[in-house]
Amino acid sequence: SDFIGGNAIMLAVAFFLILSIFLGVRIVPQSEKHVVERF
């Protein structure tokens, strides 16, 4: 149970990092401009 719990935390951290990278990096085509809003 400790091993599964430790792996779950690592998987959650890895998923969070991947999701952060996916959400934080934006590739904009040459023919577009993107408008970013915060709250």
Full PDB file with SEQRES, HELIX, SHEET, SSBOND, CRYST1, ORIGX, SCALE, CONECT and MASTER records, all heavy atoms in Angstrom:
SEQRES   1 A   39  SER ASP PHE ILE GLY GLY ASN ALA ILE MET LEU ALA VAL          
SEQRES   2 A   39  ALA PHE PHE LEU ILE LEU SER ILE PHE LEU GLY VAL ARG          
SEQRES   3 A   39  ILE VAL PRO GLN SER GLU LYS HIS VAL VAL GLU ARG PHE          
HELIX    1 AA1 ASP A    2  GLY A   24  1                                  23    
CRYST1    1.000    1.000    1.000  90.00  90.00  90.00 P 1           1          
ORIGX1      1.000000  0.000000  0.000000        0.00000                         
ORIGX2      0.000000  1.000000  0.000000        0.00000                         
ORIGX3      0.000000  0.000000  1.000000        0.00000                         
SCALE1      1.000000  0.000000  0.000000        0.00000                         
SCALE2      0.000000  1.000000  0.000000        0.00000                         
SCALE3      0.000000  0.000000  1.000000        0.00000                         
ATOM      1  N   SER A   1       0.824  -1.207   0.000  1.00  0.00           N  
ATOM      2  CA  SER A   1       0.000   0.000   0.000  1.00  0.00           C  
ATOM      3  C   SER A   1       0.860   1.259   0.000  1.00  0.00           C  
ATOM      4  O   SER A   1       0.541   2.261  -0.652  1.00  0.00           O  
ATOM      5  CB  SER A   1      -0.938  -0.011   1.220  1.00  0.00           C  
ATOM      6  OG  SER A   1      -0.180  -0.056   2.417  1.00  0.00           O  
ATOM      7  N   ASP A   2       2.001   1.219   0.765  1.00  0.00           N  
ATOM      8  CA  ASP A   2       2.917   2.378   0.754  1.00  0.00           C  
ATOM      9  C   ASP A   2       3.521   2.584  -0.628  1.00  0.00           C  
ATOM     10  O   ASP A   2       3.685   3.713  -1.088  1.00  0.00           O  
ATOM     11  CB  ASP A   2       4.015   2.161   1.800  1.00  0.00           C  
ATOM     12  CG  ASP A   2       3.463   2.156   3.231  1.00  0.00           C  
ATOM     13  OD1 ASP A   2       2.364   2.761   3.405  1.00  0.00           O  
ATOM     14  OD2 ASP A   2       4.111   1.576   4.093  1.00  0.00           O  
ATOM     15  N   PHE A   3       3.877   1.465  -1.317  1.00  0.00           N  
ATOM     16  CA  PHE A   3       4.468   1.587  -2.658  1.00  0.00           C  
ATOM     17  C   PHE A   3       3.481   2.187  -3.655  1.00  0.00           C  
ATOM     18  O   PHE A   3       3.807   3.057  -4.460  1.00  0.00           O  
ATOM     19  CB  PHE A   3       4.929   0.203  -3.122  1.00  0.00           C  
ATOM     20  CG  PHE A   3       5.503   0.176  -4.502  1.00  0.00           C  
ATOM     21  CD1 PHE A   3       6.792   0.641  -4.736  1.00  0.00           C  
ATOM     22  CD2 PHE A   3       4.752  -0.298  -5.574  1.00  0.00           C  
ATOM     23  CE1 PHE A   3       7.312   0.627  -6.007  1.00  0.00           C  
ATOM     24  CE2 PHE A   3       5.267  -0.309  -6.839  1.00  0.00           C  
ATOM     25  CZ  PHE A   3       6.560   0.138  -7.075  1.00  0.00           C  
ATOM     26  N   ILE A   4       2.238   1.704  -3.574  1.00  0.00           N  
ATOM     27  CA  ILE A   4       1.215   2.231  -4.493  1.00  0.00           C  
ATOM     28  C   ILE A   4       0.939   3.700  -4.188  1.00  0.00           C  
ATOM     29  O   ILE A   4       0.777   4.524  -5.093  1.00  0.00           O  
ATOM     30  CB  ILE A   4      -0.064   1.391  -4.381  1.00  0.00           C  
ATOM     31  CG1 ILE A   4       0.209  -0.042  -4.873  1.00  0.00           C  
ATOM     32  CG2 ILE A   4      -1.200   2.006  -5.170  1.00  0.00           C  
ATOM     33  CD1 ILE A   4      -0.958  -0.983  -4.673  1.00  0.00           C  
ATOM     34  N   GLY A   5       0.911   4.018  -2.872  1.00  0.00           N  
ATOM     35  CA  GLY A   5       0.663   5.406  -2.500  1.00  0.00           C  
ATOM     36  C   GLY A   5       1.773   6.328  -2.984  1.00  0.00           C  
ATOM     37  O   GLY A   5       1.537   7.412  -3.484  1.00  0.00           O  
ATOM     38  N   GLY A   6       3.049   5.881  -2.832  1.00  0.00           N  
ATOM     39  CA  GLY A   6       4.170   6.700  -3.313  1.00  0.00           C  
ATOM     40  C   GLY A   6       4.150   6.879  -4.808  1.00  0.00           C  
ATOM     41  O   GLY A   6       4.383   7.976  -5.340  1.00  0.00           O  
ATOM     42  N   ASN A   7       3.874   5.826  -5.564  1.00  0.00           N  
ATOM     43  CA  ASN A   7       3.783   5.933  -7.037  1.00  0.00           C  
ATOM     44  C   ASN A   7       2.638   6.824  -7.474  1.00  0.00           C  
ATOM     45  O   ASN A   7       2.725   7.552  -8.462  1.00  0.00           O  
ATOM     46  CB  ASN A   7       3.628   4.547  -7.650  1.00  0.00           C  
ATOM     47  CG  ASN A   7       4.906   3.730  -7.532  1.00  0.00           C  
ATOM     48  OD1 ASN A   7       6.002   4.311  -7.411  1.00  0.00           O  
ATOM     49  ND2 ASN A   7       4.788   2.412  -7.545  1.00  0.00           N  
ATOM     50  N   ALA A   8       1.538   6.769  -6.750  1.00  0.00           N  
ATOM     51  CA  ALA A   8       0.392   7.615  -7.108  1.00  0.00           C  
ATOM     52  C   ALA A   8       0.752   9.086  -6.972  1.00  0.00           C  
ATOM     53  O   ALA A   8       0.368   9.919  -7.804  1.00  0.00           O  
ATOM     54  CB  ALA A   8      -0.803   7.255  -6.235  1.00  0.00           C  
ATOM     55  N   ILE A   9       1.498   9.386  -5.912  1.00  0.00           N  
ATOM     56  CA  ILE A   9       1.903  10.788  -5.731  1.00  0.00           C  
ATOM     57  C   ILE A   9       2.831  11.219  -6.854  1.00  0.00           C  
ATOM     58  O   ILE A   9       2.698  12.314  -7.422  1.00  0.00           O  
ATOM     59  CB  ILE A   9       2.571  10.963  -4.352  1.00  0.00           C  
ATOM     60  CG1 ILE A   9       1.565  10.713  -3.230  1.00  0.00           C  
ATOM     61  CG2 ILE A   9       3.184  12.357  -4.243  1.00  0.00           C  
ATOM     62  CD1 ILE A   9       2.161  10.725  -1.840  1.00  0.00           C  
ATOM     63  N   MET A  10       3.769  10.344  -7.219  1.00  0.00           N  
ATOM     64  CA  MET A  10       4.688  10.681  -8.311  1.00  0.00           C  
ATOM     65  C   MET A  10       3.950  10.813  -9.641  1.00  0.00           C  
ATOM     66  O   MET A  10       4.221  11.718 -10.435  1.00  0.00           O  
ATOM     67  CB  MET A  10       5.773   9.601  -8.416  1.00  0.00           C  
ATOM     68  CG  MET A  10       6.712   9.539  -7.213  1.00  0.00           C  
ATOM     69  SD  MET A  10       7.971   8.260  -7.382  1.00  0.00           S  
ATOM     70  CE  MET A  10       8.799   8.790  -8.839  1.00  0.00           C  
ATOM     71  N   LEU A  11       2.999   9.905  -9.837  1.00  0.00           N  
ATOM     72  CA  LEU A  11       2.195  10.006 -11.066  1.00  0.00           C  
ATOM     73  C   LEU A  11       1.377  11.287 -11.085  1.00  0.00           C  
ATOM     74  O   LEU A  11       1.239  11.941 -12.126  1.00  0.00           O  
ATOM     75  CB  LEU A  11       1.282   8.786 -11.191  1.00  0.00           C  
ATOM     76  CG  LEU A  11       1.973   7.452 -11.479  1.00  0.00           C  
ATOM     77  CD1 LEU A  11       0.963   6.312 -11.443  1.00  0.00           C  
ATOM     78  CD2 LEU A  11       2.667   7.509 -12.842  1.00  0.00           C  
ATOM     79  N   ALA A  12       0.848  11.668  -9.946  1.00  0.00           N  
ATOM     80  CA  ALA A  12       0.071  12.907  -9.874  1.00  0.00           C  
ATOM     81  C   ALA A  12       0.953  14.115 -10.140  1.00  0.00           C  
ATOM     82  O   ALA A  12       0.565  15.056 -10.862  1.00  0.00           O  
ATOM     83  CB  ALA A  12      -0.624  13.008  -8.514  1.00  0.00           C  
ATOM     84  N   VAL A  13       2.157  14.093  -9.554  1.00  0.00           N  
ATOM     85  CA  VAL A  13       3.091  15.212  -9.802  1.00  0.00           C  
ATOM     86  C   VAL A  13       3.486  15.273 -11.269  1.00  0.00           C  
ATOM     87  O   VAL A  13       3.523  16.336 -11.897  1.00  0.00           O  
ATOM     88  CB  VAL A  13       4.323  15.071  -8.887  1.00  0.00           C  
ATOM     89  CG1 VAL A  13       5.390  16.085  -9.272  1.00  0.00           C  
ATOM     90  CG2 VAL A  13       3.930  15.242  -7.434  1.00  0.00           C  
ATOM     91  N   ALA A  14       3.779  14.101 -11.842  1.00  0.00           N  
ATOM     92  CA  ALA A  14       4.149  14.062 -13.261  1.00  0.00           C  
ATOM     93  C   ALA A  14       3.004  14.539 -14.139  1.00  0.00           C  
ATOM     94  O   ALA A  14       3.190  15.309 -15.100  1.00  0.00           O  
ATOM     95  CB  ALA A  14       4.579  12.649 -13.653  1.00  0.00           C  
ATOM     96  N   PHE A  15       1.798  14.111 -13.830  1.00  0.00           N  
ATOM     97  CA  PHE A  15       0.630  14.542 -14.597  1.00  0.00           C  
ATOM     98  C   PHE A  15       0.436  16.052 -14.477  1.00  0.00           C  
ATOM     99  O   PHE A  15       0.114  16.735 -15.456  1.00  0.00           O  
ATOM    100  CB  PHE A  15      -0.604  13.784 -14.107  1.00  0.00           C  
ATOM    101  CG  PHE A  15      -1.868  14.218 -14.789  1.00  0.00           C  
ATOM    102  CD1 PHE A  15      -2.167  13.787 -16.086  1.00  0.00           C  
ATOM    103  CD2 PHE A  15      -2.757  15.061 -14.140  1.00  0.00           C  
ATOM    104  CE1 PHE A  15      -3.326  14.193 -16.704  1.00  0.00           C  
ATOM    105  CE2 PHE A  15      -3.904  15.476 -14.769  1.00  0.00           C  
ATOM    106  CZ  PHE A  15      -4.208  15.048 -16.071  1.00  0.00           C  
ATOM    107  N   PHE A  16       0.661  16.562 -13.253  1.00  0.00           N  
ATOM    108  CA  PHE A  16       0.514  18.001 -13.036  1.00  0.00           C  
ATOM    109  C   PHE A  16       1.548  18.781 -13.848  1.00  0.00           C  
ATOM    110  O   PHE A  16       1.232  19.819 -14.446  1.00  0.00           O  
ATOM    111  CB  PHE A  16       0.655  18.310 -11.546  1.00  0.00           C  
ATOM    112  CG  PHE A  16       0.571  19.763 -11.229  1.00  0.00           C  
ATOM    113  CD1 PHE A  16      -0.654  20.428 -11.182  1.00  0.00           C  
ATOM    114  CD2 PHE A  16       1.737  20.493 -10.969  1.00  0.00           C  
ATOM    115  CE1 PHE A  16      -0.707  21.767 -10.888  1.00  0.00           C  
ATOM    116  CE2 PHE A  16       1.671  21.841 -10.678  1.00  0.00           C  
ATOM    117  CZ  PHE A  16       0.446  22.494 -10.631  1.00  0.00           C  
ATOM    118  N   LEU A  17       2.782  18.272 -13.865  1.00  0.00           N  
ATOM    119  CA  LEU A  17       3.822  18.949 -14.632  1.00  0.00           C  
ATOM    120  C   LEU A  17       3.519  18.915 -16.128  1.00  0.00           C  
ATOM    121  O   LEU A  17       3.688  19.922 -16.836  1.00  0.00           O  
ATOM    122  CB  LEU A  17       5.181  18.291 -14.346  1.00  0.00           C  
ATOM    123  CG  LEU A  17       5.736  18.472 -12.938  1.00  0.00           C  
ATOM    124  CD1 LEU A  17       7.045  17.680 -12.763  1.00  0.00           C  
ATOM    125  CD2 LEU A  17       5.960  19.950 -12.637  1.00  0.00           C  
ATOM    126  N   ILE A  18       3.096  17.750 -16.599  1.00  0.00           N  
ATOM    127  CA  ILE A  18       2.770  17.645 -18.027  1.00  0.00           C  
ATOM    128  C   ILE A  18       1.612  18.567 -18.388  1.00  0.00           C  
ATOM    129  O   ILE A  18       1.626  19.263 -19.405  1.00  0.00           O  
ATOM    130  CB  ILE A  18       2.443  16.185 -18.382  1.00  0.00           C  
ATOM    131  CG1 ILE A  18       3.695  15.309 -18.225  1.00  0.00           C  
ATOM    132  CG2 ILE A  18       1.905  16.080 -19.803  1.00  0.00           C  
ATOM    133  CD1 ILE A  18       3.425  13.831 -18.402  1.00  0.00           C  
ATOM    134  N   LEU A  19       0.598  18.594 -17.529  1.00  0.00           N  
ATOM    135  CA  LEU A  19      -0.553  19.471 -17.781  1.00  0.00           C  
ATOM    136  C   LEU A  19      -0.149  20.941 -17.725  1.00  0.00           C  
ATOM    137  O   LEU A  19      -0.626  21.759 -18.528  1.00  0.00           O  
ATOM    138  CB  LEU A  19      -1.647  19.171 -16.755  1.00  0.00           C  
ATOM    139  CG  LEU A  19      -2.945  19.988 -16.924  1.00  0.00           C  
ATOM    140  CD1 LEU A  19      -3.580  19.685 -18.277  1.00  0.00           C  
ATOM    141  CD2 LEU A  19      -3.922  19.677 -15.785  1.00  0.00           C  
ATOM    142  N   SER A  20       0.751  21.283 -16.811  1.00  0.00           N  
ATOM    143  CA  SER A  20       1.215  22.673 -16.706  1.00  0.00           C  
ATOM    144  C   SER A  20       1.969  23.077 -17.971  1.00  0.00           C  
ATOM    145  O   SER A  20       1.809  24.199 -18.485  1.00  0.00           O  
ATOM    146  CB  SER A  20       2.093  22.840 -15.471  1.00  0.00           C  
ATOM    147  OG  SER A  20       1.363  22.570 -14.296  1.00  0.00           O  
ATOM    148  N   ILE A  21       2.826  22.161 -18.433  1.00  0.00           N  
ATOM    149  CA  ILE A  21       3.566  22.464 -19.673  1.00  0.00           C  
ATOM    150  C   ILE A  21       2.607  22.604 -20.851  1.00  0.00           C  
ATOM    151  O   ILE A  21       2.729  23.507 -21.680  1.00  0.00           O  
ATOM    152  CB  ILE A  21       4.618  21.377 -19.945  1.00  0.00           C  
ATOM    153  CG1 ILE A  21       5.693  21.389 -18.852  1.00  0.00           C  
ATOM    154  CG2 ILE A  21       5.244  21.552 -21.318  1.00  0.00           C  
ATOM    155  CD1 ILE A  21       6.680  20.240 -18.946  1.00  0.00           C  
ATOM    156  N   PHE A  22       1.627  21.695 -20.885  1.00  0.00           N  
ATOM    157  CA  PHE A  22       0.660  21.735 -21.987  1.00  0.00           C  
ATOM    158  C   PHE A  22      -0.156  23.035 -21.969  1.00  0.00           C  
ATOM    159  O   PHE A  22      -0.423  23.634 -23.015  1.00  0.00           O  
ATOM    160  CB  PHE A  22      -0.264  20.519 -21.881  1.00  0.00           C  
ATOM    161  CG  PHE A  22      -1.330  20.492 -22.936  1.00  0.00           C  
ATOM    162  CD1 PHE A  22      -1.035  20.089 -24.234  1.00  0.00           C  
ATOM    163  CD2 PHE A  22      -2.631  20.879 -22.627  1.00  0.00           C  
ATOM    164  CE1 PHE A  22      -2.024  20.076 -25.193  1.00  0.00           C  
ATOM    165  CE2 PHE A  22      -3.618  20.857 -23.587  1.00  0.00           C  
ATOM    166  CZ  PHE A  22      -3.320  20.457 -24.886  1.00  0.00           C  
ATOM    167  N   LEU A  23      -0.518  23.466 -20.785  1.00  0.00           N  
ATOM    168  CA  LEU A  23      -1.309  24.689 -20.663  1.00  0.00           C  
ATOM    169  C   LEU A  23      -0.456  25.946 -20.732  1.00  0.00           C  
ATOM    170  O   LEU A  23      -0.960  27.023 -21.093  1.00  0.00           O  
ATOM    171  CB  LEU A  23      -2.100  24.678 -19.349  1.00  0.00           C  
ATOM    172  CG  LEU A  23      -3.161  23.589 -19.202  1.00  0.00           C  
ATOM    173  CD1 LEU A  23      -3.808  23.657 -17.825  1.00  0.00           C  
ATOM    174  CD2 LEU A  23      -4.217  23.713 -20.297  1.00  0.00           C  
ATOM    175  N   GLY A  24       0.800  25.856 -20.389  1.00  0.00           N  
ATOM    176  CA  GLY A  24       1.643  27.044 -20.322  1.00  0.00           C  
ATOM    177  C   GLY A  24       2.347  27.376 -21.628  1.00  0.00           C  
ATOM    178  O   GLY A  24       2.796  28.505 -21.827  1.00  0.00           O  
ATOM    179  N   VAL A  25       2.477  26.402 -22.523  1.00  0.00           N  
ATOM    180  CA  VAL A  25       3.166  26.639 -23.798  1.00  0.00           C  
ATOM    181  C   VAL A  25       2.123  26.776 -24.894  1.00  0.00           C  
ATOM    182  O   VAL A  25       1.276  25.894 -25.067  1.00  0.00           O  
ATOM    183  CB  VAL A  25       4.146  25.492 -24.120  1.00  0.00           C  
ATOM    184  CG1 VAL A  25       4.792  25.729 -25.473  1.00  0.00           C  
ATOM    185  CG2 VAL A  25       5.197  25.379 -23.021  1.00  0.00           C  
ATOM    186  N   ARG A  26       2.193  27.875 -25.622  1.00  0.00           N  
ATOM    187  CA  ARG A  26       1.263  28.115 -26.711  1.00  0.00           C  
ATOM    188  C   ARG A  26       2.044  28.381 -27.993  1.00  0.00           C  
ATOM    189  O   ARG A  26       2.939  29.238 -28.030  1.00  0.00           O  
ATOM    190  CB  ARG A  26       0.368  29.317 -26.409  1.00  0.00           C  
ATOM    191  CG  ARG A  26      -0.622  29.080 -25.291  1.00  0.00           C  
ATOM    192  CD  ARG A  26      -1.612  28.015 -25.664  1.00  0.00           C  
ATOM    193  NE  ARG A  26      -2.628  27.833 -24.638  1.00  0.00           N  
ATOM    194  CZ  ARG A  26      -3.162  26.681 -24.347  1.00  0.00           C  
ATOM    195  NH1 ARG A  26      -2.752  25.600 -24.974  1.00  0.00           N  
ATOM    196  NH2 ARG A  26      -4.094  26.574 -23.416  1.00  0.00           N  
ATOM    197  N   ILE A  27       1.725  27.618 -29.027  1.00  0.00           N  
ATOM    198  CA  ILE A  27       2.334  27.822 -30.347  1.00  0.00           C  
ATOM    199  C   ILE A  27       1.295  28.511 -31.229  1.00  0.00           C  
ATOM    200  O   ILE A  27       0.228  27.951 -31.510  1.00  0.00           O  
ATOM    201  CB  ILE A  27       2.776  26.491 -30.972  1.00  0.00           C  
ATOM    202  CG1 ILE A  27       3.832  25.822 -30.085  1.00  0.00           C  
ATOM    203  CG2 ILE A  27       3.323  26.721 -32.380  1.00  0.00           C  
ATOM    204  CD1 ILE A  27       4.268  24.463 -30.597  1.00  0.00           C  
ATOM    205  N   VAL A  28       1.625  29.728 -31.646  1.00  0.00           N  
ATOM    206  CA  VAL A  28       0.686  30.557 -32.424  1.00  0.00           C  
ATOM    207  C   VAL A  28       1.096  30.510 -33.888  1.00  0.00           C  
ATOM    208  O   VAL A  28       2.259  30.786 -34.213  1.00  0.00           O  
ATOM    209  CB  VAL A  28       0.674  32.003 -31.908  1.00  0.00           C  
ATOM    210  CG1 VAL A  28      -0.324  32.841 -32.705  1.00  0.00           C  
ATOM    211  CG2 VAL A  28       0.346  32.030 -30.423  1.00  0.00           C  
ATOM    212  N   PRO A  29       0.192  30.179 -34.801  1.00  0.00           N  
ATOM    213  CA  PRO A  29       0.526  30.199 -36.246  1.00  0.00           C  
ATOM    214  C   PRO A  29       0.824  31.615 -36.733  1.00  0.00           C  
ATOM    215  O   PRO A  29       0.428  32.612 -36.122  1.00  0.00           O  
ATOM    216  CB  PRO A  29      -0.742  29.636 -36.903  1.00  0.00           C  
ATOM    217  CG  PRO A  29      -1.478  28.937 -35.818  1.00  0.00           C  
ATOM    218  CD  PRO A  29      -1.153  29.673 -34.549  1.00  0.00           C  
ATOM    219  N   GLN A  30       1.500  31.688 -37.881  1.00  0.00           N  
ATOM    220  CA  GLN A  30       1.874  32.974 -38.447  1.00  0.00           C  
ATOM    221  C   GLN A  30       0.643  33.810 -38.834  1.00  0.00           C  
ATOM    222  O   GLN A  30       0.689  35.049 -38.833  1.00  0.00           O  
ATOM    223  CB  GLN A  30       2.744  32.750 -39.694  1.00  0.00           C  
ATOM    224  CG  GLN A  30       3.248  34.028 -40.361  1.00  0.00           C  
ATOM    225  CD  GLN A  30       4.256  34.746 -39.499  1.00  0.00           C  
ATOM    226  OE1 GLN A  30       5.076  34.118 -38.832  1.00  0.00           O  
ATOM    227  NE2 GLN A  30       4.207  36.083 -39.497  1.00  0.00           N  
ATOM    228  N   SER A  31      -0.451  33.137 -39.155  1.00  0.00           N  
ATOM    229  CA  SER A  31      -1.647  33.845 -39.635  1.00  0.00           C  
ATOM    230  C   SER A  31      -2.601  34.237 -38.520  1.00  0.00           C  
ATOM    231  O   SER A  31      -3.703  34.716 -38.804  1.00  0.00           O  
ATOM    232  CB  SER A  31      -2.409  32.957 -40.631  1.00  0.00           C  
ATOM    233  OG  SER A  31      -2.806  31.734 -40.029  1.00  0.00           O  
ATOM    234  N   GLU A  32      -2.187  34.065 -37.239  1.00  0.00           N  
ATOM    235  CA  GLU A  32      -3.100  34.348 -36.128  1.00  0.00           C  
ATOM    236  C   GLU A  32      -2.404  35.146 -35.034  1.00  0.00           C  
ATOM    237  O   GLU A  32      -1.173  35.226 -34.979  1.00  0.00           O  
ATOM    238  CB  GLU A  32      -3.650  33.041 -35.522  1.00  0.00           C  
ATOM    239  CG  GLU A  32      -4.561  32.261 -36.451  1.00  0.00           C  
ATOM    240  CD  GLU A  32      -5.097  31.010 -35.777  1.00  0.00           C  
ATOM    241  OE1 GLU A  32      -4.666  30.712 -34.634  1.00  0.00           O  
ATOM    242  OE2 GLU A  32      -5.925  30.318 -36.386  1.00  0.00           O  
ATOM    243  N   LYS A  33      -3.257  35.737 -34.189  1.00  0.00           N  
ATOM    244  CA  LYS A  33      -2.828  36.305 -32.916  1.00  0.00           C  
ATOM    245  C   LYS A  33      -3.819  35.847 -31.849  1.00  0.00           C  
ATOM    246  O   LYS A  33      -5.020  35.793 -32.113  1.00  0.00           O  
ATOM    247  CB  LYS A  33      -2.784  37.833 -32.981  1.00  0.00           C  
ATOM    248  CG  LYS A  33      -1.608  38.392 -33.772  1.00  0.00           C  
ATOM    249  CD  LYS A  33      -1.550  39.909 -33.672  1.00  0.00           C  
ATOM    250  CE  LYS A  33      -0.338  40.456 -34.418  1.00  0.00           C  
ATOM    251  NZ  LYS A  33      -0.249  41.943 -34.309  1.00  0.00           N  
ATOM    252  N   HIS A  34      -3.275  35.532 -30.668  1.00  0.00           N  
ATOM    253  CA  HIS A  34      -4.121  35.022 -29.601  1.00  0.00           C  
ATOM    254  C   HIS A  34      -4.215  36.055 -28.482  1.00  0.00           C  
ATOM    255  O   HIS A  34      -3.202  36.632 -28.067  1.00  0.00           O  
ATOM    256  CB  HIS A  34      -3.562  33.718 -29.032  1.00  0.00           C  
ATOM    257  CG  HIS A  34      -3.620  32.587 -30.018  1.00  0.00           C  
ATOM    258  ND1 HIS A  34      -3.172  31.307 -29.704  1.00  0.00           N  
ATOM    259  CD2 HIS A  34      -4.104  32.514 -31.278  1.00  0.00           C  
ATOM    260  CE1 HIS A  34      -3.366  30.527 -30.754  1.00  0.00           C  
ATOM    261  NE2 HIS A  34      -3.927  31.244 -31.718  1.00  0.00           N  
ATOM    262  N   VAL A  35      -5.445  36.262 -28.016  1.00  0.00           N  
ATOM    263  CA  VAL A  35      -5.701  37.198 -26.920  1.00  0.00           C  
ATOM    264  C   VAL A  35      -5.808  36.396 -25.625  1.00  0.00           C  
ATOM    265  O   VAL A  35      -6.659  35.491 -25.506  1.00  0.00           O  
ATOM    266  CB  VAL A  35      -6.994  37.996 -27.173  1.00  0.00           C  
ATOM    267  CG1 VAL A  35      -7.283  38.922 -25.981  1.00  0.00           C  
ATOM    268  CG2 VAL A  35      -6.874  38.799 -28.451  1.00  0.00           C  
ATOM    269  N   VAL A  36      -4.954  36.715 -24.653  1.00  0.00           N  
ATOM    270  CA  VAL A  36      -4.886  35.975 -23.382  1.00  0.00           C  
ATOM    271  C   VAL A  36      -5.564  36.805 -22.292  1.00  0.00           C  
ATOM    272  O   VAL A  36      -5.305  38.014 -22.156  1.00  0.00           O  
ATOM    273  CB  VAL A  36      -3.429  35.681 -23.003  1.00  0.00           C  
ATOM    274  CG1 VAL A  36      -3.358  34.973 -21.661  1.00  0.00           C  
ATOM    275  CG2 VAL A  36      -2.765  34.846 -24.085  1.00  0.00           C  
ATOM    276  N   GLU A  37      -6.424  36.152 -21.533  1.00  0.00           N  
ATOM    277  CA  GLU A  37      -7.108  36.791 -20.407  1.00  0.00           C  
ATOM    278  C   GLU A  37      -6.684  36.121 -19.100  1.00  0.00           C  
ATOM    279  O   GLU A  37      -6.389  34.918 -19.055  1.00  0.00           O  
ATOM    280  CB  GLU A  37      -8.622  36.675 -20.559  1.00  0.00           C  
ATOM    281  CG  GLU A  37      -9.182  37.476 -21.725  1.00  0.00           C  
ATOM    282  CD  GLU A  37     -10.682  37.343 -21.815  1.00  0.00           C  
ATOM    283  OE1 GLU A  37     -11.250  36.476 -21.083  1.00  0.00           O  
ATOM    284  OE2 GLU A  37     -11.300  38.057 -22.608  1.00  0.00           O  
ATOM    285  N   ARG A  38      -6.670  36.913 -18.021  1.00  0.00           N  
ATOM    286  CA  ARG A  38      -6.436  36.397 -16.671  1.00  0.00           C  
ATOM    287  C   ARG A  38      -7.589  36.865 -15.786  1.00  0.00           C  
ATOM    288  O   ARG A  38      -7.753  38.067 -15.567  1.00  0.00           O  
ATOM    289  CB  ARG A  38      -5.105  36.889 -16.125  1.00  0.00           C  
ATOM    290  CG  ARG A  38      -4.837  36.439 -14.678  1.00  0.00           C  
ATOM    291  CD  ARG A  38      -3.482  36.883 -14.208  1.00  0.00           C  
ATOM    292  NE  ARG A  38      -2.406  36.234 -14.955  1.00  0.00           N  
ATOM    293  CZ  ARG A  38      -1.104  36.473 -14.736  1.00  0.00           C  
ATOM    294  NH1 ARG A  38      -0.741  37.351 -13.816  1.00  0.00           N  
ATOM    295  NH2 ARG A  38      -0.205  35.855 -15.461  1.00  0.00           N  
ATOM    296  N   PHE A  39      -8.361  35.933 -15.362  1.00  0.00           N  
ATOM    297  CA  PHE A  39      -9.557  36.217 -14.567  1.00  0.00           C  
ATOM    298  C   PHE A  39     -10.488  37.206 -15.277  1.00  0.00           C  
ATOM    299  O   PHE A  39     -11.045  38.129 -14.666  1.00  0.00           O  
ATOM    300  CB  PHE A  39      -9.179  36.760 -13.176  1.00  0.00           C  
ATOM    301  CG  PHE A  39      -8.308  35.832 -12.396  1.00  0.00           C  
ATOM    302  CD1 PHE A  39      -7.035  36.214 -12.018  1.00  0.00           C  
ATOM    303  CD2 PHE A  39      -8.745  34.554 -12.043  1.00  0.00           C  
ATOM    304  CE1 PHE A  39      -6.219  35.363 -11.285  1.00  0.00           C  
ATOM    305  CE2 PHE A  39      -7.930  33.695 -11.315  1.00  0.00           C  
ATOM    306  CZ  PHE A  39      -6.661  34.090 -10.937  1.00  0.00           C  
TER     307      PHE A  39                                                      
MASTER        0    0    0    1    0    0    0    6  306    1    0    3          
END                                                                             
